C-alpha atoms as a PDB file:
ATOM      1  CA  UNK A   1      95.469 102.844  78.874  1.00  0.00           C
ATOM      2  CA  UNK A   2      93.012 104.999  80.702  1.00  0.00           C
ATOM      3  CA  UNK A   3      93.818 107.050  83.816  1.00  0.00           C
ATOM      4  CA  UNK A   4      93.069 105.406  87.093  1.00  0.00           C
ATOM      5  CA  UNK A   5      91.397 107.836  89.512  1.00  0.00           C
ATOM      6  CA  UNK A   6      91.410 106.979  93.255  1.00  0.00           C
ATOM      7  CA  UNK A   7      89.019 108.570  95.718  1.00  0.00           C
ATOM      8  CA  UNK A   8      87.449 107.918  98.968  1.00  0.00           C
ATOM      9  CA  UNK A   9      84.361 105.645  98.823  1.00  0.00           C
ATOM     10  CA  UNK A  10      80.890 106.846  99.497  1.00  0.00           C
ATOM     11  CA  UNK A  11      77.636 105.204 100.389  1.00  0.00           C
ATOM     12  CA  UNK A  12      76.551 105.818  96.816  1.00  0.00           C
ATOM     13  CA  UNK A  13      79.140 103.188  95.672  1.00  0.00           C
ATOM     14  CA  UNK A  14      77.701 100.480  97.652  1.00  0.00           C
ATOM     15  CA  UNK A  15      75.875  98.655  94.794  1.00  0.00           C
ATOM     16  CA  UNK A  16      78.992  98.757  92.578  1.00  0.00           C
ATOM     17  CA  UNK A  17      81.136  97.447  95.438  1.00  0.00           C
ATOM     18  CA  UNK A  18      78.845  94.566  96.088  1.00  0.00           C
ATOM     19  CA  UNK A  19      78.927  93.819  92.345  1.00  0.00           C
ATOM     20  CA  UNK A  20      82.770  93.845  92.448  1.00  0.00           C
ATOM     21  CA  UNK A  21      82.854  91.467  95.455  1.00  0.00           C
ATOM     22  CA  UNK A  22      80.447  88.978  93.701  1.00  0.00           C
ATOM     23  CA  UNK A  23      82.332  89.096  90.362  1.00  0.00           C
ATOM     24  CA  UNK A  24      85.825  88.743  91.868  1.00  0.00           C
ATOM     25  CA  UNK A  25      85.053  86.182  94.812  1.00  0.00           C
ATOM     26  CA  UNK A  26      87.422  83.175  94.732  1.00  0.00           C
ATOM     27  CA  UNK A  27      88.980  80.813  97.206  1.00  0.00           C
ATOM     28  CA  UNK A  28      92.294  82.195  95.742  1.00  0.00           C
ATOM     29  CA  UNK A  29      91.827  85.197  98.104  1.00  0.00           C
ATOM     30  CA  UNK A  30      88.641  84.684 100.136  1.00  0.00           C
ATOM     31  CA  UNK A  31      88.054  82.654 103.299  1.00  0.00           C
ATOM     32  CA  UNK A  32      84.502  83.818 103.717  1.00  0.00           C
ATOM     33  CA  UNK A  33      81.569  82.269 101.670  1.00  0.00           C
ATOM     34  CA  UNK A  34      80.675  83.750  98.380  1.00  0.00           C
ATOM     35  CA  UNK A  35      79.130  87.340  98.915  1.00  0.00           C
ATOM     36  CA  UNK A  36      75.330  87.612  98.881  1.00  0.00           C
ATOM     37  CA  UNK A  37      73.848  90.298  96.670  1.00  0.00           C
ATOM     38  CA  UNK A  38      71.380  91.332  99.350  1.00  0.00           C
ATOM     39  CA  UNK A  39      74.075  91.850 101.974  1.00  0.00           C
ATOM     40  CA  UNK A  40      75.351  95.426 102.419  1.00  0.00           C
ATOM     41  CA  UNK A  41      79.009  96.183 101.672  1.00  0.00           C
ATOM     42  CA  UNK A  42      79.257  98.782 104.446  1.00  0.00           C
ATOM     43  CA  UNK A  43      78.820  97.884 108.127  1.00  0.00           C
ATOM     44  CA  UNK A  44      79.657  99.422 111.468  1.00  0.00           C
ATOM     45  CA  UNK A  45      83.400  98.538 111.223  1.00  0.00           C
ATOM     46  CA  UNK A  46      83.769  99.037 107.511  1.00  0.00           C
ATOM     47  CA  UNK A  47      82.499 102.469 106.551  1.00  0.00           C
ATOM     48  CA  UNK A  48      83.310 104.501 103.344  1.00  0.00           C
ATOM     49  CA  UNK A  49      85.848 106.543 105.356  1.00  0.00           C
ATOM     50  CA  UNK A  50      88.143 103.400 105.445  1.00  0.00           C
ATOM     51  CA  UNK A  51      87.741 102.484 101.799  1.00  0.00           C
ATOM     52  CA  UNK A  52      89.454 103.880  98.675  1.00  0.00           C
ATOM     53  CA  UNK A  53      87.932 103.135  95.300  1.00  0.00           C
ATOM     54  CA  UNK A  54      89.496 103.211  91.854  1.00  0.00           C
ATOM     55  CA  UNK A  55      87.584 104.494  88.697  1.00  0.00           C
ATOM     56  CA  UNK A  56      88.570 103.955  85.192  1.00  0.00           C
ATOM     57  CA  UNK A  57      86.588 106.022  82.588  1.00  0.00           C
ATOM     58  CA  UNK A  58      84.203 106.954  85.236  1.00  0.00           C
ATOM     59  CA  UNK A  59      83.478 103.303  86.129  1.00  0.00           C
ATOM     60  CA  UNK A  60      84.144 101.804  89.489  1.00  0.00           C
ATOM     61  CA  UNK A  61      87.135  99.368  88.947  1.00  0.00           C
ATOM     62  CA  UNK A  62      88.171  98.199  92.472  1.00  0.00           C
ATOM     63  CA  UNK A  63      88.673  99.104  96.100  1.00  0.00           C
ATOM     64  CA  UNK A  64      91.129  98.755  98.972  1.00  0.00           C
ATOM     65  CA  UNK A  65      89.918  98.679 102.631  1.00  0.00           C
ATOM     66  CA  UNK A  66      92.326 100.231 105.168  1.00  0.00           C
ATOM     67  CA  UNK A  67      91.489  99.763 108.868  1.00  0.00           C
ATOM     68  CA  UNK A  68      93.133  99.856 112.329  1.00  0.00           C
ATOM     69  CA  UNK A  69      93.801  96.207 113.027  1.00  0.00           C
ATOM     70  CA  UNK A  70      92.715  96.547 116.602  1.00  0.00           C
ATOM     71  CA  UNK A  71      91.035  99.243 118.808  1.00  0.00           C
ATOM     72  CA  UNK A  72      94.036  99.302 121.159  1.00  0.00           C
ATOM     73  CA  UNK A  73      95.798 102.687 121.616  1.00  0.00           C
ATOM     74  CA  UNK A  74      99.143 100.948 121.535  1.00  0.00           C
ATOM     75  CA  UNK A  75      98.408  99.588 118.033  1.00  0.00           C
ATOM     76  CA  UNK A  76      97.155 102.960 116.693  1.00  0.00           C
ATOM     77  CA  UNK A  77     100.375 103.482 114.594  1.00  0.00           C
ATOM     78  CA  UNK A  78      99.427 100.458 112.438  1.00  0.00           C
ATOM     79  CA  UNK A  79      96.970 100.267 109.489  1.00  0.00           C
ATOM     80  CA  UNK A  80      96.016  96.944 107.898  1.00  0.00           C
ATOM     81  CA  UNK A  81      94.695  96.094 104.427  1.00  0.00           C
ATOM     82  CA  UNK A  82      91.603  94.145 104.870  1.00  0.00           C
ATOM     83  CA  UNK A  83      90.399  93.813 101.279  1.00  0.00           C
ATOM     84  CA  UNK A  84      91.710  94.592  97.842  1.00  0.00           C
ATOM     85  CA  UNK A  85      89.665  93.794  94.816  1.00  0.00           C
ATOM     86  CA  UNK A  86      89.768  94.768  91.085  1.00  0.00           C
ATOM     87  CA  UNK A  87      86.873  94.066  88.803  1.00  0.00           C
ATOM     88  CA  UNK A  88      87.524  91.454  86.130  1.00  0.00           C
ATOM     89  CA  UNK A  89      87.218  93.943  83.289  1.00  0.00           C
ATOM     90  CA  UNK A  90      89.822  96.244  84.841  1.00  0.00           C
ATOM     91  CA  UNK A  91      92.618  93.872  85.521  1.00  0.00           C
ATOM     92  CA  UNK A  92      95.980  94.382  83.920  1.00  0.00           C
ATOM     93  CA  UNK A  93      95.558  98.322  83.975  1.00  0.00           C
ATOM     94  CA  UNK A  94      97.577  98.978  87.103  1.00  0.00           C
ATOM     95  CA  UNK A  95      94.516  99.425  89.254  1.00  0.00           C
ATOM     96  CA  UNK A  96      95.700  97.224  92.112  1.00  0.00           C
ATOM     97  CA  UNK A  97      99.095  98.945  92.280  1.00  0.00           C
ATOM     98  CA  UNK A  98      97.523 102.365  92.154  1.00  0.00           C
ATOM     99  CA  UNK A  99      95.075 101.479  94.932  1.00  0.00           C
ATOM    100  CA  UNK A 100      97.902 100.118  97.046  1.00  0.00           C
ATOM    101  CA  UNK A 101     100.081 103.279  96.430  1.00  0.00           C
ATOM    102  CA  UNK A 102      97.207 105.413  97.623  1.00  0.00           C
ATOM    103  CA  UNK A 103      96.444 103.206 100.629  1.00  0.00           C
ATOM    104  CA  UNK A 104     100.129 103.476 101.779  1.00  0.00           C
ATOM    105  CA  UNK A 105      99.797 107.370 101.363  1.00  0.00           C
ATOM    106  CA  UNK A 106      96.495 107.467 103.162  1.00  0.00           C
ATOM    107  CA  UNK A 107      97.910 105.417 106.041  1.00  0.00           C
ATOM    108  CA  UNK A 108     100.686 107.876 106.392  1.00  0.00           C
ATOM    109  CA  UNK A 109      98.314 110.814 106.342  1.00  0.00           C
ATOM    110  CA  UNK A 110      96.432 109.153 109.169  1.00  0.00           C
ATOM    111  CA  UNK A 111      99.661 109.038 111.259  1.00  0.00           C
ATOM    112  CA  UNK A 112     100.470 105.389 110.770  1.00  0.00           C
ATOM    113  CA  UNK A 113     104.107 104.319 110.621  1.00  0.00           C
ATOM    114  CA  UNK A 114     103.463 100.681 109.617  1.00  0.00           C
ATOM    115  CA  UNK A 115     101.138  98.841 107.222  1.00  0.00           C
ATOM    116  CA  UNK A 116     100.248  95.076 107.473  1.00  0.00           C
ATOM    117  CA  UNK A 117      98.101  92.634 105.548  1.00  0.00           C
ATOM    118  CA  UNK A 118      97.210  88.974 105.440  1.00  0.00           C
ATOM    119  CA  UNK A 119      97.314  87.083 102.182  1.00  0.00           C
ATOM    120  CA  UNK A 120      96.626  83.353 101.457  1.00  0.00           C
ATOM    121  CA  UNK A 121      99.674  81.318 100.792  1.00  0.00           C
ATOM    122  CA  UNK A 122      98.467  80.162  97.398  1.00  0.00           C
ATOM    123  CA  UNK A 123      97.673  83.633  96.079  1.00  0.00           C
ATOM    124  CA  UNK A 124     100.953  84.167  94.163  1.00  0.00           C
ATOM    125  CA  UNK A 125      99.784  87.133  92.042  1.00  0.00           C
ATOM    126  CA  UNK A 126      98.861  89.131  95.236  1.00  0.00           C
ATOM    127  CA  UNK A 127     101.969  88.061  97.032  1.00  0.00           C
ATOM    128  CA  UNK A 128     104.130  89.324  93.986  1.00  0.00           C
ATOM    129  CA  UNK A 129     102.361  92.650  94.072  1.00  0.00           C
ATOM    130  CA  UNK A 130     102.801  93.194  97.747  1.00  0.00           C
ATOM    131  CA  UNK A 131     106.507  92.096  97.600  1.00  0.00           C
ATOM    132  CA  UNK A 132     107.140  94.564  94.719  1.00  0.00           C
ATOM    133  CA  UNK A 133     105.774  97.217  96.991  1.00  0.00           C
ATOM    134  CA  UNK A 134     108.170  96.582  99.904  1.00  0.00           C
ATOM    135  CA  UNK A 135     106.050  94.132 101.945  1.00  0.00           C
ATOM    136  CA  UNK A 136     107.988  91.259 103.510  1.00  0.00           C
ATOM    137  CA  UNK A 137     106.660  88.046 105.054  1.00  0.00           C
ATOM    138  CA  UNK A 138     106.655  88.423 108.819  1.00  0.00           C
ATOM    139  CA  UNK A 139     104.952  85.266 109.767  1.00  0.00           C
ATOM    140  CA  UNK A 140     103.105  82.214 108.416  1.00  0.00           C
ATOM    141  CA  UNK A 141     100.252  80.356 109.985  1.00  0.00           C
ATOM    142  CA  UNK A 142     100.556  76.994 108.332  1.00  0.00           C
ATOM    143  CA  UNK A 143      97.354  75.241 107.236  1.00  0.00           C
ATOM    144  CA  UNK A 144      95.293  77.962 108.892  1.00  0.00           C
ATOM    145  CA  UNK A 145      92.299  77.571 106.429  1.00  0.00           C
ATOM    146  CA  UNK A 146      90.557  74.603 104.822  1.00  0.00           C
ATOM    147  CA  UNK A 147      89.380  75.770 101.421  1.00  0.00           C
ATOM    148  CA  UNK A 148      87.940  73.369  98.970  1.00  0.00           C
ATOM    149  CA  UNK A 149      89.493  70.357 100.753  1.00  0.00           C
ATOM    150  CA  UNK A 150      92.949  71.913 100.872  1.00  0.00           C
ATOM    151  CA  UNK A 151      94.733  73.421 103.793  1.00  0.00           C
ATOM    152  CA  UNK A 152      96.114  76.867 102.960  1.00  0.00           C
ATOM    153  CA  UNK A 153      98.622  78.969 104.858  1.00  0.00           C
ATOM    154  CA  UNK A 154      97.751  82.528 106.150  1.00  0.00           C
ATOM    155  CA  UNK A 155     100.712  84.680 105.247  1.00  0.00           C
ATOM    156  CA  UNK A 156     101.330  87.776 107.468  1.00  0.00           C
ATOM    157  CA  UNK A 157     103.148  90.639 105.597  1.00  0.00           C
ATOM    158  CA  UNK A 158     104.147  94.107 106.631  1.00  0.00           C
ATOM    159  CA  UNK A 159     106.230  97.140 105.841  1.00  0.00           C
ATOM    160  CA  UNK A 160     107.216 100.377 107.403  1.00  0.00           C
ATOM    161  CA  UNK A 161     105.572 103.444 105.938  1.00  0.00           C
ATOM    162  CA  UNK A 162     108.795 105.406 105.775  1.00  0.00           C
ATOM    163  CA  UNK A 163     109.629 103.637 102.605  1.00  0.00           C
ATOM    164  CA  UNK A 164     108.793 105.454  99.428  1.00  0.00           C
ATOM    165  CA  UNK A 165     105.698 103.871  97.809  1.00  0.00           C
ATOM    166  CA  UNK A 166     106.839 101.654  95.074  1.00  0.00           C
END
């Protein structure tokens, strides 16, 4: 197995990140429409500074987006995962776990004491990963999304950052 290297994203990664989003898009994890190849990956709220990327053999393999969930000062101690994707060719190599480990460390470096995320109820592989890393279900919005004719729960998960990264 090749080593997974995680680093901060840069604007030079944009085309590769758009490609990953297009190749990995699925209603298993996405509530937004299929990504458009002409739409930029980065925007005013999602800049390279909030994204970690993983490389395997020098090739971009995936990313995790870490953001403050709100602009409120009283919420500044929380970071939220708002996107985790691993390219199809890189799955099964520990890329997602490595990205999540680094996201937890980065959130701690930023002064956060808590990490949250939202995952679709039917995304069992992602839920297993998050649970194995100390995340617990903190709430469920039943039937929050209608995806391909099926109502899907929005599952809210979180964990304190004082736990050692799994």
